[in-house]
Amino acid sequence: EIILVGDENKITEILNAEEDWKNLSITVK
């Protein structure tokens, strides 16, 4: 499980370019 730490808005914007990222073991702090 990967926890991405940093600016939530910037990180989420990049993640959203990947359609199925919410099915991966990734969270944001």
PDB file of all heavy atoms in Angstrom:
ATOM      1  N   GLU A   1       0.859  -1.180   0.000  1.00  0.00           N
ATOM      2  CA  GLU A   1       0.000   0.000   0.000  1.00  0.00           C
ATOM      3  C   GLU A   1       0.898   1.234   0.000  1.00  0.00           C
ATOM      4  O   GLU A   1       1.827   1.339   0.800  1.00  0.00           O
ATOM      5  CB  GLU A   1      -0.901   0.014   1.233  1.00  0.00           C
ATOM      6  CG  GLU A   1      -1.806   1.249   1.291  1.00  0.00           C
ATOM      7  CD  GLU A   1      -2.684   1.281   2.518  1.00  0.00           C
ATOM      8  OE1 GLU A   1      -2.941   0.194   3.086  1.00  0.00           O
ATOM      9  OE2 GLU A   1      -3.111   2.380   2.923  1.00  0.00           O
ATOM     10  N   ILE A   2       0.619   2.168  -0.894  1.00  0.00           N
ATOM     11  CA  ILE A   2       1.449   3.358  -1.036  1.00  0.00           C
ATOM     12  C   ILE A   2       0.679   4.583  -0.566  1.00  0.00           C
ATOM     13  O   ILE A   2      -0.450   4.822  -0.998  1.00  0.00           O
ATOM     14  CB  ILE A   2       1.903   3.542  -2.496  1.00  0.00           C
ATOM     15  CG1 ILE A   2       2.738   2.330  -2.926  1.00  0.00           C
ATOM     16  CG2 ILE A   2       2.710   4.837  -2.652  1.00  0.00           C
ATOM     17  CD1 ILE A   2       3.031   2.295  -4.405  1.00  0.00           C
ATOM     18  N   ILE A   3       1.300   5.336   0.327  1.00  0.00           N
ATOM     19  CA  ILE A   3       0.700   6.569   0.847  1.00  0.00           C
ATOM     20  C   ILE A   3       1.495   7.738   0.292  1.00  0.00           C
ATOM     21  O   ILE A   3       2.671   7.914   0.625  1.00  0.00           O
ATOM     22  CB  ILE A   3       0.716   6.595   2.385  1.00  0.00           C
ATOM     23  CG1 ILE A   3       0.066   5.322   2.952  1.00  0.00           C
ATOM     24  CG2 ILE A   3      -0.003   7.841   2.907  1.00  0.00           C
ATOM     25  CD1 ILE A   3       0.453   5.020   4.376  1.00  0.00           C
ATOM     26  N   LEU A   4       0.883   8.524  -0.574  1.00  0.00           N
ATOM     27  CA  LEU A   4       1.534   9.686  -1.172  1.00  0.00           C
ATOM     28  C   LEU A   4       1.359  10.884  -0.248  1.00  0.00           C
ATOM     29  O   LEU A   4       0.231  11.281   0.067  1.00  0.00           O
ATOM     30  CB  LEU A   4       0.941   9.980  -2.544  1.00  0.00           C
ATOM     31  CG  LEU A   4       1.241   8.925  -3.616  1.00  0.00           C
ATOM     32  CD1 LEU A   4       0.342   9.118  -4.832  1.00  0.00           C
ATOM     33  CD2 LEU A   4       2.707   8.975  -4.013  1.00  0.00           C
ATOM     34  N   VAL A   5       2.473  11.461   0.182  1.00  0.00           N
ATOM     35  CA  VAL A   5       2.447  12.542   1.161  1.00  0.00           C
ATOM     36  C   VAL A   5       2.830  13.859   0.490  1.00  0.00           C
ATOM     37  O   VAL A   5       3.881  13.961  -0.150  1.00  0.00           O
ATOM     38  CB  VAL A   5       3.413  12.258   2.327  1.00  0.00           C
ATOM     39  CG1 VAL A   5       3.327  13.361   3.374  1.00  0.00           C
ATOM     40  CG2 VAL A   5       3.117  10.892   2.949  1.00  0.00           C
ATOM     41  N   GLY A   6       1.948  14.864   0.636  1.00  0.00           N
ATOM     42  CA  GLY A   6       2.237  16.162   0.040  1.00  0.00           C
ATOM     43  C   GLY A   6       0.966  16.955  -0.224  1.00  0.00           C
ATOM     44  O   GLY A   6      -0.061  16.734   0.435  1.00  0.00           O
ATOM     45  N   ASP A   7       1.037  17.868  -1.182  1.00  0.00           N
ATOM     46  CA  ASP A   7      -0.096  18.722  -1.525  1.00  0.00           C
ATOM     47  C   ASP A   7      -1.226  17.870  -2.106  1.00  0.00           C
ATOM     48  O   ASP A   7      -1.137  17.369  -3.225  1.00  0.00           O
ATOM     49  CB  ASP A   7       0.349  19.770  -2.547  1.00  0.00           C
ATOM     50  CG  ASP A   7      -0.709  20.811  -2.833  1.00  0.00           C
ATOM     51  OD1 ASP A   7      -1.882  20.432  -3.062  1.00  0.00           O
ATOM     52  OD2 ASP A   7      -0.378  22.013  -2.851  1.00  0.00           O
ATOM     53  N   GLU A   8      -2.290  17.711  -1.340  1.00  0.00           N
ATOM     54  CA  GLU A   8      -3.376  16.798  -1.717  1.00  0.00           C
ATOM     55  C   GLU A   8      -4.005  17.165  -3.054  1.00  0.00           C
ATOM     56  O   GLU A   8      -4.305  16.285  -3.874  1.00  0.00           O
ATOM     57  CB  GLU A   8      -4.440  16.787  -0.622  1.00  0.00           C
ATOM     58  CG  GLU A   8      -5.543  15.762  -0.852  1.00  0.00           C
ATOM     59  CD  GLU A   8      -6.485  15.647   0.321  1.00  0.00           C
ATOM     60  OE1 GLU A   8      -6.397  16.494   1.234  1.00  0.00           O
ATOM     61  OE2 GLU A   8      -7.302  14.715   0.329  1.00  0.00           O
ATOM     62  N   ASN A   9      -4.219  18.453  -3.295  1.00  0.00           N
ATOM     63  CA  ASN A   9      -4.856  18.874  -4.544  1.00  0.00           C
ATOM     64  C   ASN A   9      -3.999  18.522  -5.756  1.00  0.00           C
ATOM     65  O   ASN A   9      -4.499  18.005  -6.763  1.00  0.00           O
ATOM     66  CB  ASN A   9      -5.144  20.381  -4.515  1.00  0.00           C
ATOM     67  CG  ASN A   9      -6.239  20.742  -3.531  1.00  0.00           C
ATOM     68  OD1 ASN A   9      -7.126  19.930  -3.246  1.00  0.00           O
ATOM     69  ND2 ASN A   9      -6.192  21.950  -3.005  1.00  0.00           N
ATOM     70  N   LYS A  10      -2.705  18.831  -5.672  1.00  0.00           N
ATOM     71  CA  LYS A  10      -1.808  18.543  -6.797  1.00  0.00           C
ATOM     72  C   LYS A  10      -1.673  17.037  -7.039  1.00  0.00           C
ATOM     73  O   LYS A  10      -1.661  16.574  -8.184  1.00  0.00           O
ATOM     74  CB  LYS A  10      -0.433  19.158  -6.539  1.00  0.00           C
ATOM     75  CG  LYS A  10      -0.413  20.674  -6.588  1.00  0.00           C
ATOM     76  CD  LYS A  10       0.997  21.214  -6.354  1.00  0.00           C
ATOM     77  CE  LYS A  10       1.014  22.737  -6.437  1.00  0.00           C
ATOM     78  NZ  LYS A  10       2.378  23.287  -6.209  1.00  0.00           N
ATOM     79  N   ILE A  11      -1.548  16.275  -5.957  1.00  0.00           N
ATOM     80  CA  ILE A  11      -1.403  14.828  -6.086  1.00  0.00           C
ATOM     81  C   ILE A  11      -2.662  14.201  -6.681  1.00  0.00           C
ATOM     82  O   ILE A  11      -2.600  13.387  -7.610  1.00  0.00           O
ATOM     83  CB  ILE A  11      -1.090  14.186  -4.716  1.00  0.00           C
ATOM     84  CG1 ILE A  11       0.269  14.671  -4.211  1.00  0.00           C
ATOM     85  CG2 ILE A  11      -1.120  12.666  -4.806  1.00  0.00           C
ATOM     86  CD1 ILE A  11       0.564  14.277  -2.782  1.00  0.00           C
ATOM     87  N   THR A  12      -3.817  14.615  -6.185  1.00  0.00           N
ATOM     88  CA  THR A  12      -5.086  14.060  -6.651  1.00  0.00           C
ATOM     89  C   THR A  12      -5.335  14.393  -8.117  1.00  0.00           C
ATOM     90  O   THR A  12      -5.870  13.569  -8.872  1.00  0.00           O
ATOM     91  CB  THR A  12      -6.249  14.577  -5.790  1.00  0.00           C
ATOM     92  OG1 THR A  12      -5.998  14.251  -4.421  1.00  0.00           O
ATOM     93  CG2 THR A  12      -7.565  13.940  -6.209  1.00  0.00           C
ATOM     94  N   GLU A  13      -4.933  15.577  -8.530  1.00  0.00           N
ATOM     95  CA  GLU A  13      -5.098  15.965  -9.930  1.00  0.00           C
ATOM     96  C   GLU A  13      -4.322  15.025 -10.858  1.00  0.00           C
ATOM     97  O   GLU A  13      -4.818  14.623 -11.922  1.00  0.00           O
ATOM     98  CB  GLU A  13      -4.595  17.396 -10.133  1.00  0.00           C
ATOM     99  CG  GLU A  13      -4.768  17.918 -11.551  1.00  0.00           C
ATOM    100  CD  GLU A  13      -4.269  19.342 -11.713  1.00  0.00           C
ATOM    101  OE1 GLU A  13      -3.884  19.978 -10.708  1.00  0.00           O
ATOM    102  OE2 GLU A  13      -4.259  19.818 -12.867  1.00  0.00           O
ATOM    103  N   ILE A  14      -3.128  14.651 -10.448  1.00  0.00           N
ATOM    104  CA  ILE A  14      -2.325  13.720 -11.251  1.00  0.00           C
ATOM    105  C   ILE A  14      -2.928  12.321 -11.205  1.00  0.00           C
ATOM    106  O   ILE A  14      -2.997  11.618 -12.224  1.00  0.00           O
ATOM    107  CB  ILE A  14      -0.870  13.697 -10.743  1.00  0.00           C
ATOM    108  CG1 ILE A  14      -0.247  15.090 -10.846  1.00  0.00           C
ATOM    109  CG2 ILE A  14      -0.037  12.688 -11.535  1.00  0.00           C
ATOM    110  CD1 ILE A  14       1.053  15.246 -10.089  1.00  0.00           C
ATOM    111  N   LEU A  15      -3.365  11.906 -10.042  1.00  0.00           N
ATOM    112  CA  LEU A  15      -3.975  10.583  -9.900  1.00  0.00           C
ATOM    113  C   LEU A  15      -5.226  10.443 -10.758  1.00  0.00           C
ATOM    114  O   LEU A  15      -5.472   9.392 -11.373  1.00  0.00           O
ATOM    115  CB  LEU A  15      -4.339  10.315  -8.435  1.00  0.00           C
ATOM    116  CG  LEU A  15      -3.185  10.043  -7.467  1.00  0.00           C
ATOM    117  CD1 LEU A  15      -3.690   9.985  -6.036  1.00  0.00           C
ATOM    118  CD2 LEU A  15      -2.474   8.742  -7.825  1.00  0.00           C
ATOM    119  N   ASN A  16      -6.009  11.501 -10.834  1.00  0.00           N
ATOM    120  CA  ASN A  16      -7.271  11.448 -11.579  1.00  0.00           C
ATOM    121  C   ASN A  16      -7.079  11.268 -13.080  1.00  0.00           C
ATOM    122  O   ASN A  16      -8.026  10.922 -13.799  1.00  0.00           O
ATOM    123  CB  ASN A  16      -8.103  12.707 -11.315  1.00  0.00           C
ATOM    124  CG  ASN A  16      -8.731  12.692  -9.929  1.00  0.00           C
ATOM    125  OD1 ASN A  16      -8.923  11.623  -9.343  1.00  0.00           O
ATOM    126  ND2 ASN A  16      -9.054  13.854  -9.398  1.00  0.00           N
ATOM    127  N   ALA A  17      -5.851  11.503 -13.548  1.00  0.00           N
ATOM    128  CA  ALA A  17      -5.564  11.259 -14.962  1.00  0.00           C
ATOM    129  C   ALA A  17      -5.477   9.762 -15.250  1.00  0.00           C
ATOM    130  O   ALA A  17      -5.526   9.329 -16.410  1.00  0.00           O
ATOM    131  CB  ALA A  17      -4.255  11.942 -15.353  1.00  0.00           C
ATOM    132  N   GLU A  18      -5.351   8.975 -14.186  1.00  0.00           N
ATOM    133  CA  GLU A  18      -5.333   7.519 -14.291  1.00  0.00           C
ATOM    134  C   GLU A  18      -6.726   7.024 -13.915  1.00  0.00           C
ATOM    135  O   GLU A  18      -7.142   7.096 -12.745  1.00  0.00           O
ATOM    136  CB  GLU A  18      -4.289   6.931 -13.335  1.00  0.00           C
ATOM    137  CG  GLU A  18      -4.170   5.429 -13.374  1.00  0.00           C
ATOM    138  CD  GLU A  18      -3.285   4.942 -14.503  1.00  0.00           C
ATOM    139  OE1 GLU A  18      -2.585   5.769 -15.109  1.00  0.00           O
ATOM    140  OE2 GLU A  18      -3.305   3.730 -14.772  1.00  0.00           O
ATOM    141  N   GLU A  19      -7.462   6.516 -14.872  1.00  0.00           N
ATOM    142  CA  GLU A  19      -8.886   6.212 -14.683  1.00  0.00           C
ATOM    143  C   GLU A  19      -9.171   5.268 -13.519  1.00  0.00           C
ATOM    144  O   GLU A  19     -10.123   5.472 -12.762  1.00  0.00           O
ATOM    145  CB  GLU A  19      -9.467   5.637 -15.981  1.00  0.00           C
ATOM    146  CG  GLU A  19      -9.540   6.650 -17.117  1.00  0.00           C
ATOM    147  CD  GLU A  19     -10.184   6.062 -18.355  1.00  0.00           C
ATOM    148  OE1 GLU A  19     -10.594   4.884 -18.303  1.00  0.00           O
ATOM    149  OE2 GLU A  19     -10.293   6.783 -19.368  1.00  0.00           O
ATOM    150  N   ASP A  20      -8.360   4.230 -13.376  1.00  0.00           N
ATOM    151  CA  ASP A  20      -8.672   3.211 -12.369  1.00  0.00           C
ATOM    152  C   ASP A  20      -7.808   3.308 -11.119  1.00  0.00           C
ATOM    153  O   ASP A  20      -7.656   2.334 -10.393  1.00  0.00           O
ATOM    154  CB  ASP A  20      -8.531   1.821 -12.982  1.00  0.00           C
ATOM    155  CG  ASP A  20      -7.107   1.532 -13.442  1.00  0.00           C
ATOM    156  OD1 ASP A  20      -6.328   2.503 -13.576  1.00  0.00           O
ATOM    157  OD2 ASP A  20      -6.779   0.349 -13.664  1.00  0.00           O
ATOM    158  N   TRP A  21      -7.255   4.498 -10.817  1.00  0.00           N
ATOM    159  CA  TRP A  21      -6.324   4.580  -9.691  1.00  0.00           C
ATOM    160  C   TRP A  21      -6.984   4.264  -8.360  1.00  0.00           C
ATOM    161  O   TRP A  21      -6.334   3.758  -7.439  1.00  0.00           O
ATOM    162  CB  TRP A  21      -5.641   5.957  -9.645  1.00  0.00           C
ATOM    163  CG  TRP A  21      -6.465   7.081  -9.053  1.00  0.00           C
ATOM    164  CD1 TRP A  21      -7.262   7.953  -9.718  1.00  0.00           C
ATOM    165  CD2 TRP A  21      -6.535   7.445  -7.666  1.00  0.00           C
ATOM    166  NE1 TRP A  21      -7.840   8.843  -8.848  1.00  0.00           N
ATOM    167  CE2 TRP A  21      -7.407   8.553  -7.583  1.00  0.00           C
ATOM    168  CE3 TRP A  21      -5.958   6.957  -6.497  1.00  0.00           C
ATOM    169  CZ2 TRP A  21      -7.720   9.170  -6.367  1.00  0.00           C
ATOM    170  CZ3 TRP A  21      -6.262   7.560  -5.294  1.00  0.00           C
ATOM    171  CH2 TRP A  21      -7.137   8.659  -5.226  1.00  0.00           C
ATOM    172  N   LYS A  22      -8.294   4.525  -8.257  1.00  0.00           N
ATOM    173  CA  LYS A  22      -8.987   4.262  -6.990  1.00  0.00           C
ATOM    174  C   LYS A  22      -9.109   2.768  -6.695  1.00  0.00           C
ATOM    175  O   LYS A  22      -9.422   2.381  -5.566  1.00  0.00           O
ATOM    176  CB  LYS A  22     -10.355   4.927  -7.000  1.00  0.00           C
ATOM    177  CG  LYS A  22     -10.272   6.458  -6.976  1.00  0.00           C
ATOM    178  CD  LYS A  22     -11.641   7.100  -6.899  1.00  0.00           C
ATOM    179  CE  LYS A  22     -11.518   8.625  -6.845  1.00  0.00           C
ATOM    180  NZ  LYS A  22     -12.837   9.305  -6.804  1.00  0.00           N
ATOM    181  N   ASN A  23      -8.853   1.951  -7.708  1.00  0.00           N
ATOM    182  CA  ASN A  23      -8.849   0.504  -7.489  1.00  0.00           C
ATOM    183  C   ASN A  23      -7.480   0.000  -7.037  1.00  0.00           C
ATOM    184  O   ASN A  23      -7.328  -1.184  -6.719  1.00  0.00           O
ATOM    185  CB  ASN A  23      -9.249  -0.218  -8.786  1.00  0.00           C
ATOM    186  CG  ASN A  23     -10.670   0.099  -9.208  1.00  0.00           C
ATOM    187  OD1 ASN A  23     -11.555   0.226  -8.368  1.00  0.00           O
ATOM    188  ND2 ASN A  23     -10.890   0.242 -10.515  1.00  0.00           N
ATOM    189  N   LEU A  24      -6.504   0.905  -7.026  1.00  0.00           N
ATOM    190  CA  LEU A  24      -5.160   0.546  -6.587  1.00  0.00           C
ATOM    191  C   LEU A  24      -4.986   0.857  -5.099  1.00  0.00           C
ATOM    192  O   LEU A  24      -5.756   1.623  -4.526  1.00  0.00           O
ATOM    193  CB  LEU A  24      -4.117   1.324  -7.397  1.00  0.00           C
ATOM    194  CG  LEU A  24      -4.122   1.109  -8.904  1.00  0.00           C
ATOM    195  CD1 LEU A  24      -3.163   2.080  -9.589  1.00  0.00           C
ATOM    196  CD2 LEU A  24      -3.761  -0.329  -9.256  1.00  0.00           C
ATOM    197  N   SER A  25      -3.958   0.274  -4.507  1.00  0.00           N
ATOM    198  CA  SER A  25      -3.700   0.479  -3.077  1.00  0.00           C
ATOM    199  C   SER A  25      -2.899   1.766  -2.877  1.00  0.00           C
ATOM    200  O   SER A  25      -1.738   1.754  -2.467  1.00  0.00           O
ATOM    201  CB  SER A  25      -2.939  -0.716  -2.495  1.00  0.00           C
ATOM    202  OG  SER A  25      -3.705  -1.885  -2.580  1.00  0.00           O
ATOM    203  N   ILE A  26      -3.543   2.898  -3.182  1.00  0.00           N
ATOM    204  CA  ILE A  26      -2.908   4.204  -3.053  1.00  0.00           C
ATOM    205  C   ILE A  26      -3.822   5.152  -2.286  1.00  0.00           C
ATOM    206  O   ILE A  26      -5.021   5.242  -2.579  1.00  0.00           O
ATOM    207  CB  ILE A  26      -2.592   4.814  -4.431  1.00  0.00           C
ATOM    208  CG1 ILE A  26      -1.458   4.048  -5.114  1.00  0.00           C
ATOM    209  CG2 ILE A  26      -2.178   6.281  -4.307  1.00  0.00           C
ATOM    210  CD1 ILE A  26      -1.043   4.612  -6.454  1.00  0.00           C
ATOM    211  N   THR A  27      -3.259   5.831  -1.299  1.00  0.00           N
ATOM    212  CA  THR A  27      -3.994   6.871  -0.566  1.00  0.00           C
ATOM    213  C   THR A  27      -3.118   8.132  -0.522  1.00  0.00           C
ATOM    214  O   THR A  27      -1.940   8.088  -0.847  1.00  0.00           O
ATOM    215  CB  THR A  27      -4.324   6.419   0.866  1.00  0.00           C
ATOM    216  OG1 THR A  27      -3.120   6.030   1.534  1.00  0.00           O
ATOM    217  CG2 THR A  27      -5.304   5.246   0.855  1.00  0.00           C
ATOM    218  N   VAL A  28      -3.737   9.227  -0.117  1.00  0.00           N
ATOM    219  CA  VAL A  28      -3.030  10.503  -0.063  1.00  0.00           C
ATOM    220  C   VAL A  28      -3.113  11.076   1.346  1.00  0.00           C
ATOM    221  O   VAL A  28      -4.172  11.057   1.965  1.00  0.00           O
ATOM    222  CB  VAL A  28      -3.631  11.516  -1.068  1.00  0.00           C
ATOM    223  CG1 VAL A  28      -2.879  12.852  -0.993  1.00  0.00           C
ATOM    224  CG2 VAL A  28      -3.595  10.958  -2.486  1.00  0.00           C
ATOM    225  N   LYS A  29      -1.974  11.565   1.849  1.00  0.00           N
ATOM    226  CA  LYS A  29      -1.954  12.250   3.135  1.00  0.00           C
ATOM    227  C   LYS A  29      -1.424  13.661   2.900  1.00  0.00           C
ATOM    228  O   LYS A  29      -0.322  13.838   2.374  1.00  0.00           O
ATOM    229  CB  LYS A  29      -1.064  11.515   4.143  1.00  0.00           C
ATOM    230  CG  LYS A  29      -1.112  12.119   5.554  1.00  0.00           C
ATOM    231  CD  LYS A  29      -0.309  11.289   6.524  1.00  0.00           C
ATOM    232  CE  LYS A  29      -0.373  11.835   7.947  1.00  0.00           C
ATOM    233  NZ  LYS A  29      -1.722  11.741   8.526  1.00  0.00           N
TER     234      LYS A  29
END
